[in-house]
Amino acid sequence: MSLTIRQQVAARPGCLYSNEPREVSFKAGALFSFPLHSTLYDEDAAQIRIPKNVKLSLNTASVDRKQMADFLKIGIVHGVTLKISSEENGALLPIWTFDKERSADHCQTGLGLNIEGPRIIRLAAVTDKGFKKGTPLDVHVFGFVSKGG
């Protein structure tokens, strides 16, 4: 049984990403890593399918310093927020925000999210405003996949 994450950014005018779906599968015992494309829209969230007897532990989120510097120079944004939702609560709620004015680090460790399947969750990287010119920004999410109980 494999855990699968899939993100497809909708085609919109000025969209910086391909609208082709990106999908990666991870087996129990694998390190989990995925670059979430950030957009203004919750609908562009990645969907993670966690099968029965599989557990996903999310520990760290980060942004690349150079990519963030380029993004902040060209964009009109202040930062990006990592959001999560579950089947029980479909609202995407913030779990980490990188803010150019307030954040000292480009990385957040100790997220401590442990999700056991069968379950479907959504993860999104949402910017606070639009883009002036084209430069993408990814939020990198890290953890591991293990056998569940």
C-alpha atoms as a PDB file:
ATOM      1  CA  MET A   1       0.000   0.000   0.000  1.00  0.00           C
ATOM      2  CA  SER A   2       1.307   3.401  -0.995  1.00  0.00           C
ATOM      3  CA  LEU A   3       0.451   6.878   0.143  1.00  0.00           C
ATOM      4  CA  THR A   4      -0.157   9.207  -2.828  1.00  0.00           C
ATOM      5  CA  ILE A   5       0.033  12.994  -3.052  1.00  0.00           C
ATOM      6  CA  ARG A   6      -1.372  14.801  -6.089  1.00  0.00           C
ATOM      7  CA  GLN A   7      -1.468  18.498  -6.932  1.00  0.00           C
ATOM      8  CA  GLN A   8      -2.929  20.087 -10.032  1.00  0.00           C
ATOM      9  CA  VAL A   9      -2.891  23.873 -10.294  1.00  0.00           C
ATOM     10  CA  ALA A  10      -5.847  25.178 -12.291  1.00  0.00           C
ATOM     11  CA  ALA A  11      -5.135  26.993 -15.545  1.00  0.00           C
ATOM     12  CA  ARG A  12      -5.747  30.708 -14.989  1.00  0.00           C
ATOM     13  CA  PRO A  13      -4.510  33.852 -16.742  1.00  0.00           C
ATOM     14  CA  GLY A  14      -0.968  34.584 -15.577  1.00  0.00           C
ATOM     15  CA  CYS A  15      -0.588  31.161 -13.944  1.00  0.00           C
ATOM     16  CA  LEU A  16       3.086  30.411 -13.283  1.00  0.00           C
ATOM     17  CA  TYR A  17       2.780  26.639 -13.219  1.00  0.00           C
ATOM     18  CA  SER A  18       1.877  23.948 -15.695  1.00  0.00           C
ATOM     19  CA  ASN A  19      -1.652  22.721 -15.152  1.00  0.00           C
ATOM     20  CA  GLU A  20      -0.475  19.137 -15.608  1.00  0.00           C
ATOM     21  CA  PRO A  21      -1.069  17.074 -12.454  1.00  0.00           C
ATOM     22  CA  ARG A  22       1.963  16.180 -10.342  1.00  0.00           C
ATOM     23  CA  GLU A  23       1.683  12.906  -8.428  1.00  0.00           C
ATOM     24  CA  VAL A  24       4.129  11.006  -6.233  1.00  0.00           C
ATOM     25  CA  SER A  25       3.639   7.754  -4.283  1.00  0.00           C
ATOM     26  CA  PHE A  26       5.465   6.723  -1.112  1.00  0.00           C
ATOM     27  CA  LYS A  27       5.613   3.272   0.502  1.00  0.00           C
ATOM     28  CA  ALA A  28       5.897   2.611   4.231  1.00  0.00           C
ATOM     29  CA  GLY A  29       9.446   3.315   5.368  1.00  0.00           C
ATOM     30  CA  ALA A  30       9.975   6.094   2.812  1.00  0.00           C
ATOM     31  CA  LEU A  31      10.993   9.646   3.534  1.00  0.00           C
ATOM     32  CA  PHE A  32       8.228  12.007   2.432  1.00  0.00           C
ATOM     33  CA  SER A  33       9.045  15.187   0.514  1.00  0.00           C
ATOM     34  CA  PHE A  34       6.939  17.272  -1.825  1.00  0.00           C
ATOM     35  CA  PRO A  35       7.213  20.831  -3.201  1.00  0.00           C
ATOM     36  CA  LEU A  36       3.756  22.408  -2.945  1.00  0.00           C
ATOM     37  CA  HIS A  37       3.204  25.069  -5.606  1.00  0.00           C
ATOM     38  CA  SER A  38       1.840  28.217  -3.975  1.00  0.00           C
ATOM     39  CA  THR A  39      -1.129  30.095  -5.429  1.00  0.00           C
ATOM     40  CA  LEU A  40      -3.868  32.439  -4.252  1.00  0.00           C
ATOM     41  CA  TYR A  41      -6.458  29.670  -4.358  1.00  0.00           C
ATOM     42  CA  ASP A  42      -7.360  27.011  -1.798  1.00  0.00           C
ATOM     43  CA  GLU A  43      -8.713  24.937  -4.700  1.00  0.00           C
ATOM     44  CA  ASP A  44      -5.121  24.315  -5.840  1.00  0.00           C
ATOM     45  CA  ALA A  45      -4.396  22.288  -2.708  1.00  0.00           C
ATOM     46  CA  ALA A  46      -2.663  18.938  -3.018  1.00  0.00           C
ATOM     47  CA  GLN A  47      -4.671  15.892  -2.032  1.00  0.00           C
ATOM     48  CA  ILE A  48      -3.000  13.164   0.010  1.00  0.00           C
ATOM     49  CA  ARG A  49      -4.556   9.695   0.063  1.00  0.00           C
ATOM     50  CA  ILE A  50      -3.392   7.690   3.047  1.00  0.00           C
ATOM     51  CA  PRO A  51      -4.475   4.037   2.817  1.00  0.00           C
ATOM     52  CA  LYS A  52      -5.416   1.796   5.728  1.00  0.00           C
ATOM     53  CA  ASN A  53      -2.456   0.672   7.859  1.00  0.00           C
ATOM     54  CA  VAL A  54      -0.271   3.561   6.645  1.00  0.00           C
ATOM     55  CA  LYS A  55       0.712   6.640   8.658  1.00  0.00           C
ATOM     56  CA  LEU A  56       2.069   9.980   7.429  1.00  0.00           C
ATOM     57  CA  SER A  57       4.159  12.087   9.791  1.00  0.00           C
ATOM     58  CA  LEU A  58       4.783  15.657   8.668  1.00  0.00           C
ATOM     59  CA  ASN A  59       7.667  17.269  10.523  1.00  0.00           C
ATOM     60  CA  THR A  60       9.090  20.167   8.541  1.00  0.00           C
ATOM     61  CA  ALA A  61       8.059  22.888   6.098  1.00  0.00           C
ATOM     62  CA  SER A  62      10.462  25.239   4.376  1.00  0.00           C
ATOM     63  CA  VAL A  63      10.909  27.743   1.596  1.00  0.00           C
ATOM     64  CA  ASP A  64      14.087  28.096  -0.431  1.00  0.00           C
ATOM     65  CA  ARG A  65      15.918  31.311   0.581  1.00  0.00           C
ATOM     66  CA  LYS A  66      16.863  32.286  -2.978  1.00  0.00           C
ATOM     67  CA  GLN A  67      13.453  31.450  -4.414  1.00  0.00           C
ATOM     68  CA  MET A  68      11.774  33.429  -1.598  1.00  0.00           C
ATOM     69  CA  ALA A  69      14.094  36.419  -2.119  1.00  0.00           C
ATOM     70  CA  ASP A  70      13.333  36.464  -5.860  1.00  0.00           C
ATOM     71  CA  PHE A  71       9.636  36.004  -5.158  1.00  0.00           C
ATOM     72  CA  LEU A  72       9.509  38.896  -2.685  1.00  0.00           C
ATOM     73  CA  LYS A  73      11.435  41.236  -5.022  1.00  0.00           C
ATOM     74  CA  ILE A  74       9.081  40.677  -7.926  1.00  0.00           C
ATOM     75  CA  GLY A  75       5.802  39.856  -6.205  1.00  0.00           C
ATOM     76  CA  ILE A  76       3.545  42.065  -4.095  1.00  0.00           C
ATOM     77  CA  VAL A  77       3.198  39.456  -1.384  1.00  0.00           C
ATOM     78  CA  HIS A  78       4.307  39.361   2.212  1.00  0.00           C
ATOM     79  CA  GLY A  79       4.667  35.608   2.424  1.00  0.00           C
ATOM     80  CA  VAL A  80       3.047  32.217   2.133  1.00  0.00           C
ATOM     81  CA  THR A  81       0.930  30.049   4.442  1.00  0.00           C
ATOM     82  CA  LEU A  82       0.878  26.258   4.673  1.00  0.00           C
ATOM     83  CA  LYS A  83      -2.690  25.043   5.258  1.00  0.00           C
ATOM     84  CA  ILE A  84      -4.230  21.641   5.982  1.00  0.00           C
ATOM     85  CA  SER A  85      -7.745  20.189   5.954  1.00  0.00           C
ATOM     86  CA  SER A  86      -9.198  16.807   6.809  1.00  0.00           C
ATOM     87  CA  GLU A  87     -12.277  14.825   5.885  1.00  0.00           C
ATOM     88  CA  GLU A  88     -13.881  15.849   9.175  1.00  0.00           C
ATOM     89  CA  ASN A  89     -13.191  19.554   8.642  1.00  0.00           C
ATOM     90  CA  GLY A  90     -12.905  20.571   4.996  1.00  0.00           C
ATOM     91  CA  ALA A  91     -11.762  24.115   5.800  1.00  0.00           C
ATOM     92  CA  LEU A  92      -8.092  24.701   5.047  1.00  0.00           C
ATOM     93  CA  LEU A  93      -6.592  25.983   8.301  1.00  0.00           C
ATOM     94  CA  PRO A  94      -3.106  27.509   8.670  1.00  0.00           C
ATOM     95  CA  ILE A  95      -0.353  25.494  10.360  1.00  0.00           C
ATOM     96  CA  TRP A  96       2.670  27.635   9.384  1.00  0.00           C
ATOM     97  CA  THR A  97       3.209  31.045   7.822  1.00  0.00           C
ATOM     98  CA  PHE A  98       6.391  32.485   6.402  1.00  0.00           C
ATOM     99  CA  ASP A  99       6.092  36.269   6.613  1.00  0.00           C
ATOM    100  CA  LYS A 100       8.887  38.445   5.197  1.00  0.00           C
ATOM    101  CA  GLU A 101       8.450  40.967   8.041  1.00  0.00           C
ATOM    102  CA  ARG A 102       8.105  38.585  10.992  1.00  0.00           C
ATOM    103  CA  SER A 103       9.702  35.234  10.195  1.00  0.00           C
ATOM    104  CA  ALA A 104      13.296  34.760  11.303  1.00  0.00           C
ATOM    105  CA  ASP A 105      13.713  31.357   9.652  1.00  0.00           C
ATOM    106  CA  HIS A 106      12.871  29.937   6.240  1.00  0.00           C
ATOM    107  CA  CYS A 107      12.116  26.586   7.877  1.00  0.00           C
ATOM    108  CA  GLN A 108       9.649  25.333  10.485  1.00  0.00           C
ATOM    109  CA  THR A 109      10.484  22.091  12.258  1.00  0.00           C
ATOM    110  CA  GLY A 110       8.428  20.203  14.806  1.00  0.00           C
ATOM    111  CA  LEU A 111       5.107  20.358  12.963  1.00  0.00           C
ATOM    112  CA  GLY A 112       4.223  17.093  14.700  1.00  0.00           C
ATOM    113  CA  LEU A 113       1.387  16.066  12.405  1.00  0.00           C
ATOM    114  CA  ASN A 114       0.712  12.309  12.469  1.00  0.00           C
ATOM    115  CA  ILE A 115      -2.127  11.169  10.244  1.00  0.00           C
ATOM    116  CA  GLU A 116      -3.140   7.531  10.009  1.00  0.00           C
ATOM    117  CA  GLY A 117      -5.199   6.058   7.160  1.00  0.00           C
ATOM    118  CA  PRO A 118      -7.573   5.389   5.703  1.00  0.00           C
ATOM    119  CA  ARG A 119      -7.819   9.133   5.263  1.00  0.00           C
ATOM    120  CA  ILE A 120      -7.729  11.888   2.664  1.00  0.00           C
ATOM    121  CA  ILE A 121      -6.237  15.243   3.630  1.00  0.00           C
ATOM    122  CA  ARG A 122      -5.446  18.384   1.665  1.00  0.00           C
ATOM    123  CA  LEU A 123      -2.315  20.557   1.917  1.00  0.00           C
ATOM    124  CA  ALA A 124      -2.067  23.995   0.335  1.00  0.00           C
ATOM    125  CA  ALA A 125       0.552  26.728   0.049  1.00  0.00           C
ATOM    126  CA  VAL A 126      -1.382  29.977  -0.213  1.00  0.00           C
ATOM    127  CA  THR A 127       0.086  33.414  -0.859  1.00  0.00           C
ATOM    128  CA  ASP A 128      -1.501  36.525   0.593  1.00  0.00           C
ATOM    129  CA  LYS A 129      -1.662  38.516  -2.666  1.00  0.00           C
ATOM    130  CA  GLY A 130      -1.066  38.129  -6.366  1.00  0.00           C
ATOM    131  CA  PHE A 131       2.055  38.355  -8.493  1.00  0.00           C
ATOM    132  CA  LYS A 132       3.358  41.376 -10.401  1.00  0.00           C
ATOM    133  CA  LYS A 133       5.580  39.301 -12.645  1.00  0.00           C
ATOM    134  CA  GLY A 134       6.242  35.623 -13.061  1.00  0.00           C
ATOM    135  CA  THR A 135       8.237  33.938 -10.335  1.00  0.00           C
ATOM    136  CA  PRO A 136       6.996  30.772  -8.649  1.00  0.00           C
ATOM    137  CA  LEU A 137       7.285  29.851  -4.984  1.00  0.00           C
ATOM    138  CA  ASP A 138       7.150  26.349  -3.516  1.00  0.00           C
ATOM    139  CA  VAL A 139       6.669  25.306   0.083  1.00  0.00           C
ATOM    140  CA  HIS A 140       8.650  22.125   0.670  1.00  0.00           C
ATOM    141  CA  VAL A 141       7.041  19.640   3.056  1.00  0.00           C
ATOM    142  CA  PHE A 142       9.039  16.834   4.700  1.00  0.00           C
ATOM    143  CA  GLY A 143       8.264  13.847   6.880  1.00  0.00           C
ATOM    144  CA  PHE A 144       8.093  10.070   6.679  1.00  0.00           C
ATOM    145  CA  VAL A 145       5.649   7.311   5.868  1.00  0.00           C
ATOM    146  CA  SER A 146       5.301   4.339   8.210  1.00  0.00           C
ATOM    147  CA  LYS A 147       3.058   1.376   8.905  1.00  0.00           C
ATOM    148  CA  GLY A 148      -0.020   2.308  10.859  1.00  0.00           C
ATOM    149  CA  GLY A 149      -1.733   0.407  13.626  1.00  0.00           C
END
